[in-house]
Structures are given as structure tokens and as C-alpha cells.
N, C-alpha and C. Protein backbone atom coordinates (compact mmCIF):
# COMPACT_ATOMS: atom_id res chain seq x y z
N MET A 1 0.83 -1.19 0.00
CA MET A 1 0.00 0.00 0.00
C MET A 1 0.88 1.25 0.00
N ASP A 2 0.46 2.22 -0.77
CA ASP A 2 1.23 3.46 -0.77
C ASP A 2 0.72 4.38 0.34
N SER A 3 1.51 5.38 0.67
CA SER A 3 1.18 6.27 1.80
C SER A 3 -0.07 7.09 1.54
N ASN A 4 -0.37 7.42 0.28
CA ASN A 4 -1.58 8.17 -0.04
C ASN A 4 -2.83 7.36 0.29
N ASN A 5 -2.80 6.08 0.00
CA ASN A 5 -3.93 5.20 0.27
C ASN A 5 -4.15 5.08 1.78
N ILE A 6 -3.07 4.93 2.53
CA ILE A 6 -3.16 4.83 3.98
C ILE A 6 -3.70 6.13 4.57
N THR A 7 -3.20 7.26 4.07
CA THR A 7 -3.67 8.56 4.55
C THR A 7 -5.15 8.73 4.25
N HIS A 8 -5.58 8.34 3.06
CA HIS A 8 -6.99 8.46 2.68
C HIS A 8 -7.86 7.60 3.61
N LYS A 9 -7.45 6.37 3.86
CA LYS A 9 -8.23 5.50 4.76
C LYS A 9 -8.25 6.05 6.17
N SER A 10 -7.15 6.62 6.61
CA SER A 10 -7.08 7.21 7.94
C SER A 10 -8.03 8.41 8.04
N ASP A 11 -8.05 9.23 7.00
CA ASP A 11 -8.96 10.37 6.96
C ASP A 11 -10.42 9.91 6.97
N MET A 12 -10.72 8.87 6.22
CA MET A 12 -12.08 8.34 6.19
C MET A 12 -12.49 7.84 7.56
N LEU A 13 -11.59 7.15 8.24
CA LEU A 13 -11.87 6.65 9.58
C LEU A 13 -12.10 7.80 10.55
N ALA A 14 -11.27 8.82 10.50
CA ALA A 14 -11.42 9.99 11.37
C ALA A 14 -12.75 10.68 11.12
N ASN A 15 -13.13 10.82 9.85
CA ASN A 15 -14.42 11.44 9.50
C ASN A 15 -15.59 10.61 10.01
N SER A 16 -15.50 9.32 9.88
CA SER A 16 -16.57 8.44 10.37
C SER A 16 -16.72 8.54 11.88
N ILE A 17 -15.60 8.55 12.59
CA ILE A 17 -15.65 8.68 14.04
C ILE A 17 -16.25 10.02 14.43
N HIS A 18 -15.86 11.08 13.71
CA HIS A 18 -16.41 12.41 13.99
C HIS A 18 -17.93 12.43 13.79
N GLU A 19 -18.41 11.77 12.75
CA GLU A 19 -19.85 11.72 12.49
C GLU A 19 -20.58 10.94 13.57
N MET A 20 -19.96 9.88 14.08
CA MET A 20 -20.59 9.06 15.11
C MET A 20 -20.57 9.74 16.47
N PHE A 21 -19.53 10.53 16.76
CA PHE A 21 -19.36 11.16 18.06
C PHE A 21 -19.04 12.65 17.90
N PRO A 22 -20.00 13.45 17.43
CA PRO A 22 -19.72 14.88 17.21
C PRO A 22 -19.41 15.64 18.50
N GLU A 23 -19.90 15.15 19.63
CA GLU A 23 -19.63 15.82 20.89
C GLU A 23 -18.15 15.81 21.24
N GLN A 24 -17.42 14.83 20.74
CA GLN A 24 -15.98 14.78 20.99
C GLN A 24 -15.28 15.98 20.35
N SER A 25 -15.71 16.33 19.15
CA SER A 25 -15.14 17.48 18.47
C SER A 25 -15.43 18.76 19.25
N HIS A 26 -16.65 18.88 19.76
CA HIS A 26 -17.02 20.04 20.58
C HIS A 26 -16.16 20.11 21.83
N GLU A 27 -15.97 18.96 22.49
CA GLU A 27 -15.13 18.92 23.69
C GLU A 27 -13.69 19.30 23.36
N ASP A 28 -13.17 18.78 22.25
CA ASP A 28 -11.81 19.11 21.84
C ASP A 28 -11.67 20.61 21.59
N ASN A 29 -12.66 21.22 20.93
CA ASN A 29 -12.62 22.66 20.67
C ASN A 29 -12.67 23.45 21.97
N THR A 30 -13.49 23.02 22.91
CA THR A 30 -13.59 23.69 24.20
C THR A 30 -12.26 23.63 24.94
N VAL A 31 -11.63 22.47 24.93
CA VAL A 31 -10.33 22.33 25.59
C VAL A 31 -9.29 23.20 24.91
N LEU A 32 -9.29 23.23 23.59
CA LEU A 32 -8.34 24.06 22.85
C LEU A 32 -8.53 25.54 23.17
N ARG A 33 -9.78 25.98 23.23
CA ARG A 33 -10.06 27.38 23.56
C ARG A 33 -9.60 27.70 24.98
N ALA A 34 -9.88 26.79 25.92
CA ALA A 34 -9.46 26.99 27.31
C ALA A 34 -7.93 27.04 27.41
N ARG A 35 -7.27 26.14 26.70
CA ARG A 35 -5.80 26.14 26.72
C ARG A 35 -5.25 27.42 26.12
N GLY A 36 -5.93 27.96 25.12
CA GLY A 36 -5.52 29.23 24.54
C GLY A 36 -5.61 30.37 25.55
N ILE A 37 -6.62 30.32 26.39
CA ILE A 37 -6.80 31.35 27.42
C ILE A 37 -5.81 31.13 28.56
N LEU A 38 -5.66 29.89 29.00
CA LEU A 38 -4.82 29.57 30.15
C LEU A 38 -3.34 29.48 29.81
N GLY A 39 -3.03 29.28 28.56
CA GLY A 39 -1.63 29.10 28.16
C GLY A 39 -1.18 27.67 28.41
N ASP A 40 0.11 27.48 28.45
CA ASP A 40 0.68 26.14 28.61
C ASP A 40 0.96 25.78 30.06
N LYS A 41 0.35 26.51 30.95
CA LYS A 41 0.59 26.30 32.38
C LYS A 41 0.03 24.96 32.87
N TYR A 42 -1.02 24.45 32.22
CA TYR A 42 -1.70 23.22 32.64
C TYR A 42 -1.66 22.18 31.53
N THR A 43 -1.71 20.91 31.93
CA THR A 43 -1.78 19.83 30.96
C THR A 43 -3.21 19.76 30.42
N THR A 44 -3.37 19.03 29.34
CA THR A 44 -4.71 18.84 28.77
C THR A 44 -5.64 18.20 29.78
N GLU A 45 -5.16 17.21 30.51
CA GLU A 45 -6.00 16.54 31.52
C GLU A 45 -6.39 17.49 32.64
N GLU A 46 -5.48 18.37 33.04
CA GLU A 46 -5.81 19.36 34.07
C GLU A 46 -6.87 20.34 33.58
N VAL A 47 -6.74 20.75 32.33
CA VAL A 47 -7.73 21.66 31.74
C VAL A 47 -9.09 20.98 31.67
N LYS A 48 -9.12 19.72 31.23
CA LYS A 48 -10.38 18.97 31.18
C LYS A 48 -11.00 18.86 32.57
N SER A 49 -10.18 18.60 33.57
CA SER A 49 -10.67 18.49 34.95
C SER A 49 -11.24 19.82 35.43
N MET A 50 -10.53 20.91 35.15
CA MET A 50 -11.04 22.23 35.54
C MET A 50 -12.36 22.55 34.86
N LEU A 51 -12.44 22.26 33.57
CA LEU A 51 -13.68 22.52 32.83
C LEU A 51 -14.84 21.71 33.40
N ALA A 52 -14.59 20.44 33.74
CA ALA A 52 -15.64 19.60 34.32
C ALA A 52 -16.08 20.16 35.67
N SER A 53 -15.14 20.63 36.47
CA SER A 53 -15.47 21.21 37.78
C SER A 53 -16.30 22.47 37.61
N TYR A 54 -15.89 23.34 36.67
CA TYR A 54 -16.64 24.57 36.44
C TYR A 54 -18.06 24.27 35.95
N GLU A 55 -18.16 23.33 35.04
CA GLU A 55 -19.48 22.96 34.51
C GLU A 55 -20.38 22.42 35.62
N TYR A 56 -19.81 21.59 36.49
CA TYR A 56 -20.58 21.04 37.61
C TYR A 56 -21.06 22.18 38.53
N LEU A 57 -20.15 23.08 38.89
CA LEU A 57 -20.52 24.18 39.78
C LEU A 57 -21.60 25.06 39.16
N ILE A 58 -21.45 25.37 37.88
CA ILE A 58 -22.44 26.21 37.20
C ILE A 58 -23.81 25.54 37.22
N ASN A 59 -23.86 24.24 36.94
CA ASN A 59 -25.13 23.52 36.95
C ASN A 59 -25.76 23.49 38.34
N VAL A 60 -24.93 23.28 39.36
CA VAL A 60 -25.45 23.25 40.74
C VAL A 60 -25.98 24.62 41.12
N TRP A 61 -25.22 25.67 40.82
CA TRP A 61 -25.67 27.02 41.15
C TRP A 61 -26.93 27.40 40.39
N LEU A 62 -27.01 27.02 39.13
CA LEU A 62 -28.20 27.33 38.34
C LEU A 62 -29.41 26.60 38.90
N GLU A 63 -29.25 25.35 39.26
CA GLU A 63 -30.36 24.60 39.84
C GLU A 63 -30.81 25.23 41.17
N GLU A 64 -29.84 25.63 41.98
CA GLU A 64 -30.17 26.28 43.25
C GLU A 64 -30.93 27.58 43.01
N TYR A 65 -30.49 28.36 42.05
CA TYR A 65 -31.17 29.61 41.71
C TYR A 65 -32.59 29.35 41.20
N GLU A 66 -32.75 28.37 40.32
CA GLU A 66 -34.08 28.03 39.80
C GLU A 66 -35.01 27.63 40.94
N ARG A 67 -34.53 26.82 41.87
CA ARG A 67 -35.36 26.40 43.00
C ARG A 67 -35.76 27.60 43.86
N LYS A 68 -34.88 28.56 43.97
CA LYS A 68 -35.17 29.77 44.75
C LYS A 68 -36.24 30.61 44.05
N ILE A 69 -36.15 30.71 42.75
CA ILE A 69 -37.06 31.55 41.96
C ILE A 69 -38.41 30.86 41.71
N PHE A 70 -38.40 29.58 41.42
CA PHE A 70 -39.59 28.86 40.98
C PHE A 70 -40.20 27.98 42.08
N ASP A 71 -40.25 28.46 43.28
CA ASP A 71 -40.93 27.77 44.38
C ASP A 71 -40.42 26.34 44.58
N LYS A 72 -39.11 26.24 44.74
CA LYS A 72 -38.41 24.98 45.03
C LYS A 72 -38.49 23.93 43.92
N LYS A 73 -38.65 24.42 42.68
CA LYS A 73 -38.64 23.52 41.53
C LYS A 73 -37.66 24.06 40.51
N THR A 74 -37.09 23.14 39.73
CA THR A 74 -36.22 23.58 38.64
C THR A 74 -37.09 23.86 37.42
N LEU A 75 -36.52 24.56 36.48
CA LEU A 75 -37.24 24.86 35.24
C LEU A 75 -37.60 23.57 34.52
N LYS A 76 -36.70 22.61 34.54
CA LYS A 76 -36.95 21.31 33.91
C LYS A 76 -38.16 20.63 34.55
N GLU A 77 -38.25 20.68 35.87
CA GLU A 77 -39.39 20.07 36.57
C GLU A 77 -40.68 20.79 36.22
N LEU A 78 -40.64 22.10 36.14
CA LEU A 78 -41.83 22.86 35.77
C LEU A 78 -42.31 22.53 34.34
N LEU A 79 -41.37 22.46 33.43
CA LEU A 79 -41.73 22.15 32.04
C LEU A 79 -42.26 20.74 31.88
N ARG A 80 -41.72 19.82 32.68
CA ARG A 80 -42.19 18.44 32.61
C ARG A 80 -43.65 18.32 33.04
N ASN A 81 -44.09 19.21 33.94
CA ASN A 81 -45.44 19.13 34.48
C ASN A 81 -46.48 19.87 33.62
N LEU A 82 -46.07 20.42 32.50
CA LEU A 82 -47.03 21.13 31.63
C LEU A 82 -47.92 20.20 30.88
């Protein structure tokens, strides 16, 4: 096999994986953007960990705020009961 054929098959495989798991591309872009802001001070795994922690905190705070505003219910719970 020549290298062009191998490269083509590799590209096809990468495209297929991207189509099956588009959220991975979104996660990769988010990590790249965060690394661009933070610089090279942290490893990719550290950046992923920080992003997961921030996302968790934001979701918890948002849920707490919704319960405060909507009589101890989240917006999701209110919409489910419509």
C-alpha cells in the first residue's frame, strides 16, 4: 500500500468517528479554547478536569437559583409538568 492510500483510509476513519461522536469534536474545541486562554501552564488533563469542575458548579448554582425563583422547583421540573 502506498502512503496516499493509507492517509486516505485514515482520513475516512477519522471522519466516520467524527460523524458518530460529534460531541468529541465540541469537547476538543472547548479544551483548545481553554488552553488558549490559560496558556501552557496546565496539561490537557488538568484543563479537562477544571472545565468539568466549572461545569458542575455552574449547573449546581443554576439549579439552586431556579429552585429559589420557581418555588423549590427547577425549570426542567416545571416544564415536565405542563
